[in-house]
């Protein structure tokens, strides 16, 4: 019996491909940042798959937000450590 739902990795690649026109419209200097942002979603593909949302985009966005949240909190902690007497 075949799969009826593609794996999240495949679905994520399809979603990223659908955003190509958005990327093309970005200024040249922003295209690499956009690619990096989409790549960060791949770090949490297992969690996104486990969430079983109706939209693959939801899982990708939550993964991207979570990744950026982690970076932000680590950076804030480092700044606090540097600022402490």
N, C-alpha and C. Protein backbone atom coordinates (compact mmCIF):
# COMPACT_ATOMS: atom_id res chain seq x y z
N UNK A 1 0.84 -1.17 0.00
CA UNK A 1 0.00 0.00 0.00
C UNK A 1 0.89 1.24 0.00
N UNK A 2 0.63 2.19 -0.86
CA UNK A 2 1.45 3.39 -0.99
C UNK A 2 1.07 4.46 0.01
N UNK A 3 1.95 5.40 0.14
CA UNK A 3 1.70 6.53 1.04
C UNK A 3 0.71 7.49 0.39
N UNK A 4 -0.15 8.04 1.17
CA UNK A 4 -1.08 9.04 0.66
C UNK A 4 -0.63 10.45 1.01
N UNK A 5 0.22 10.56 2.03
CA UNK A 5 0.73 11.86 2.46
C UNK A 5 2.24 11.83 2.30
N UNK A 6 2.81 12.81 1.59
CA UNK A 6 4.26 12.82 1.43
C UNK A 6 4.95 13.07 2.76
N UNK A 7 6.20 12.62 2.89
CA UNK A 7 6.93 12.87 4.12
C UNK A 7 7.06 14.38 4.30
N UNK A 8 7.29 14.80 5.53
CA UNK A 8 7.37 16.24 5.78
C UNK A 8 8.58 16.84 5.08
N UNK A 9 9.65 16.07 4.95
CA UNK A 9 10.84 16.59 4.24
C UNK A 9 10.49 16.93 2.80
N UNK A 10 9.74 16.06 2.15
CA UNK A 10 9.33 16.30 0.77
C UNK A 10 8.35 17.47 0.72
N UNK A 11 7.39 17.48 1.62
CA UNK A 11 6.40 18.56 1.65
C UNK A 11 7.07 19.91 1.91
N UNK A 12 8.08 19.91 2.77
CA UNK A 12 8.81 21.14 3.07
C UNK A 12 9.55 21.64 1.83
N UNK A 13 10.16 20.74 1.10
CA UNK A 13 10.86 21.12 -0.14
C UNK A 13 9.86 21.69 -1.16
N UNK A 14 8.69 21.10 -1.23
CA UNK A 14 7.65 21.61 -2.14
C UNK A 14 7.21 23.01 -1.71
N UNK A 15 7.03 23.20 -0.43
CA UNK A 15 6.62 24.52 0.08
C UNK A 15 7.68 25.56 -0.24
N UNK A 16 8.94 25.22 0.00
CA UNK A 16 10.03 26.16 -0.29
C UNK A 16 10.05 26.51 -1.78
N UNK A 17 9.81 25.52 -2.62
CA UNK A 17 9.79 25.76 -4.07
C UNK A 17 8.66 26.73 -4.45
N UNK A 18 7.55 26.65 -3.74
CA UNK A 18 6.43 27.53 -4.03
C UNK A 18 6.71 28.99 -3.66
N UNK A 19 7.74 29.23 -2.87
CA UNK A 19 8.11 30.59 -2.48
C UNK A 19 9.21 31.17 -3.36
N UNK A 20 9.54 30.49 -4.47
CA UNK A 20 10.58 30.98 -5.37
C UNK A 20 10.28 32.37 -5.92
N UNK A 21 9.04 32.63 -6.27
CA UNK A 21 8.71 33.94 -6.84
C UNK A 21 8.90 35.04 -5.79
N UNK A 22 8.64 34.74 -4.53
CA UNK A 22 8.89 35.70 -3.45
C UNK A 22 10.38 36.00 -3.38
N UNK A 23 11.18 34.94 -3.41
CA UNK A 23 12.64 35.10 -3.35
C UNK A 23 13.15 35.91 -4.54
N UNK A 24 12.62 35.64 -5.72
CA UNK A 24 13.06 36.38 -6.91
C UNK A 24 12.77 37.87 -6.79
N UNK A 25 11.71 38.22 -6.09
CA UNK A 25 11.33 39.63 -5.94
C UNK A 25 12.15 40.36 -4.87
N UNK A 26 12.89 39.61 -4.06
CA UNK A 26 13.71 40.23 -3.03
C UNK A 26 14.93 40.91 -3.64
N UNK A 27 15.45 41.93 -2.98
CA UNK A 27 16.72 42.51 -3.42
C UNK A 27 17.82 41.45 -3.36
N UNK A 28 18.80 41.58 -4.21
CA UNK A 28 19.88 40.59 -4.31
C UNK A 28 20.52 40.28 -2.96
N UNK A 29 20.74 41.33 -2.15
CA UNK A 29 21.42 41.14 -0.87
C UNK A 29 20.56 40.40 0.16
N UNK A 30 19.26 40.26 -0.08
CA UNK A 30 18.37 39.57 0.86
C UNK A 30 18.11 38.11 0.50
N UNK A 31 18.47 37.70 -0.69
CA UNK A 31 18.16 36.34 -1.15
C UNK A 31 18.87 35.27 -0.32
N UNK A 32 20.12 35.51 0.05
CA UNK A 32 20.85 34.54 0.86
C UNK A 32 20.22 34.41 2.25
N UNK A 33 19.80 35.53 2.82
CA UNK A 33 19.15 35.48 4.13
C UNK A 33 17.85 34.69 4.06
N UNK A 34 17.11 34.86 2.97
CA UNK A 34 15.86 34.10 2.80
C UNK A 34 16.15 32.60 2.72
N UNK A 35 17.19 32.23 1.97
CA UNK A 35 17.57 30.81 1.89
C UNK A 35 17.98 30.26 3.25
N UNK A 36 18.73 31.05 4.01
CA UNK A 36 19.15 30.62 5.35
C UNK A 36 17.94 30.43 6.26
N UNK A 37 16.99 31.34 6.15
CA UNK A 37 15.78 31.24 6.97
C UNK A 37 15.03 29.95 6.66
N UNK A 38 14.84 29.66 5.38
CA UNK A 38 14.14 28.42 5.02
C UNK A 38 14.94 27.19 5.45
N UNK A 39 16.25 27.28 5.37
CA UNK A 39 17.10 26.15 5.79
C UNK A 39 16.96 25.87 7.28
N UNK A 40 16.73 26.92 8.08
CA UNK A 40 16.60 26.69 9.52
C UNK A 40 15.38 25.83 9.85
N UNK A 41 14.38 25.84 8.99
CA UNK A 41 13.20 25.00 9.22
C UNK A 41 13.57 23.52 9.15
N UNK A 42 14.58 23.18 8.36
CA UNK A 42 14.99 21.78 8.22
C UNK A 42 15.59 21.21 9.50
N UNK A 43 16.06 22.09 10.38
CA UNK A 43 16.64 21.63 11.64
C UNK A 43 15.60 20.95 12.54
N UNK A 44 14.34 21.29 12.33
CA UNK A 44 13.28 20.81 13.21
C UNK A 44 12.22 20.03 12.42
N UNK A 45 12.65 19.36 11.37
CA UNK A 45 11.70 18.66 10.50
C UNK A 45 10.99 17.53 11.26
N UNK A 46 11.66 16.89 12.18
CA UNK A 46 11.01 15.82 12.96
C UNK A 46 9.91 16.38 13.85
N UNK A 47 10.18 17.50 14.49
CA UNK A 47 9.17 18.13 15.34
C UNK A 47 7.99 18.63 14.50
N UNK A 48 8.29 19.22 13.36
CA UNK A 48 7.23 19.71 12.48
C UNK A 48 6.36 18.56 11.98
N UNK A 49 6.98 17.46 11.69
CA UNK A 49 6.25 16.28 11.23
C UNK A 49 5.36 15.73 12.35
N UNK A 50 5.88 15.74 13.55
CA UNK A 50 5.13 15.22 14.69
C UNK A 50 3.93 16.09 15.05
N UNK A 51 3.98 17.36 14.67
CA UNK A 51 2.89 18.28 15.00
C UNK A 51 1.62 17.97 14.23
N UNK A 52 1.72 17.34 13.09
CA UNK A 52 0.59 16.93 12.26
C UNK A 52 -0.41 18.08 12.07
N UNK A 53 0.05 19.13 11.44
CA UNK A 53 -0.80 20.27 11.13
C UNK A 53 -1.40 20.09 9.74
N UNK A 54 -2.48 20.78 9.46
CA UNK A 54 -3.11 20.67 8.15
C UNK A 54 -2.33 21.40 7.08
N UNK A 55 -1.50 22.34 7.49
CA UNK A 55 -0.71 23.12 6.55
C UNK A 55 0.78 22.87 6.80
N UNK A 56 1.49 22.47 5.79
CA UNK A 56 2.94 22.26 5.94
C UNK A 56 3.63 23.58 6.27
N UNK A 57 3.04 24.70 5.81
CA UNK A 57 3.61 26.01 6.08
C UNK A 57 3.64 26.31 7.58
N UNK A 58 2.61 25.89 8.29
CA UNK A 58 2.56 26.12 9.74
C UNK A 58 3.75 25.49 10.44
N UNK A 59 4.06 24.27 10.09
CA UNK A 59 5.20 23.59 10.71
C UNK A 59 6.51 24.27 10.39
N UNK A 60 6.65 24.71 9.14
CA UNK A 60 7.88 25.41 8.75
C UNK A 60 8.02 26.73 9.50
N UNK A 61 6.95 27.48 9.59
CA UNK A 61 7.01 28.78 10.25
C UNK A 61 7.30 28.61 11.74
N UNK A 62 6.68 27.65 12.38
CA UNK A 62 6.94 27.42 13.80
C UNK A 62 8.41 27.02 14.01
N UNK A 63 8.95 26.20 13.13
CA UNK A 63 10.35 25.80 13.22
C UNK A 63 11.27 27.01 13.07
N UNK A 64 10.96 27.88 12.11
CA UNK A 64 11.77 29.08 11.88
C UNK A 64 11.68 30.02 13.09
N UNK A 65 10.48 30.22 13.58
CA UNK A 65 10.29 31.09 14.76
C UNK A 65 11.05 30.52 15.96
N UNK A 66 10.94 29.22 16.18
CA UNK A 66 11.61 28.59 17.31
C UNK A 66 13.12 28.74 17.19
N UNK A 67 13.65 28.52 16.00
CA UNK A 67 15.10 28.65 15.79
C UNK A 67 15.56 30.07 16.08
N UNK A 68 14.82 31.05 15.58
CA UNK A 68 15.20 32.44 15.82
C UNK A 68 15.01 32.83 17.28
N UNK A 69 14.03 32.26 17.94
CA UNK A 69 13.84 32.52 19.37
C UNK A 69 15.05 32.01 20.16
N UNK A 70 15.51 30.81 19.83
CA UNK A 70 16.69 30.25 20.51
C UNK A 70 17.90 31.15 20.32
N UNK A 71 18.11 31.61 19.10
CA UNK A 71 19.25 32.50 18.83
C UNK A 71 19.11 33.80 19.61
N UNK A 72 17.92 34.35 19.62
CA UNK A 72 17.67 35.61 20.32
C UNK A 72 17.92 35.48 21.82
N UNK A 73 17.42 34.41 22.43
CA UNK A 73 17.60 34.26 23.88
C UNK A 73 19.06 34.01 24.23
N UNK A 74 19.78 33.25 23.39
CA UNK A 74 21.21 33.03 23.64
C UNK A 74 21.99 34.34 23.51
N UNK A 75 21.65 35.13 22.52
CA UNK A 75 22.32 36.41 22.31
C UNK A 75 22.04 37.35 23.48
N UNK A 76 20.80 37.40 23.93
CA UNK A 76 20.44 38.26 25.06
C UNK A 76 21.19 37.84 26.32
N UNK A 77 21.33 36.55 26.53
CA UNK A 77 22.06 36.05 27.70
C UNK A 77 23.54 36.43 27.61
N UNK A 78 24.11 36.34 26.42
CA UNK A 78 25.51 36.71 26.24
C UNK A 78 25.71 38.20 26.48
N UNK A 79 24.77 39.03 26.03
CA UNK A 79 24.88 40.47 26.25
C UNK A 79 24.78 40.77 27.74
N UNK A 80 23.86 40.08 28.44
CA UNK A 80 23.74 40.29 29.90
C UNK A 80 25.03 39.91 30.62
N UNK A 81 25.65 38.80 30.19
CA UNK A 81 26.91 38.37 30.83
C UNK A 81 28.01 39.40 30.59
N UNK A 82 28.06 39.96 29.39
CA UNK A 82 29.07 40.96 29.06
C UNK A 82 28.84 42.26 29.83
N UNK A 83 27.58 42.60 30.05
CA UNK A 83 27.23 43.85 30.73
C UNK A 83 27.38 43.74 32.25
N UNK A 84 27.39 42.53 32.78
CA UNK A 84 27.47 42.34 34.24
C UNK A 84 28.86 42.75 34.73
N UNK A 85 28.91 43.44 35.88
CA UNK A 85 30.22 43.88 36.43
C UNK A 85 31.05 42.74 36.95
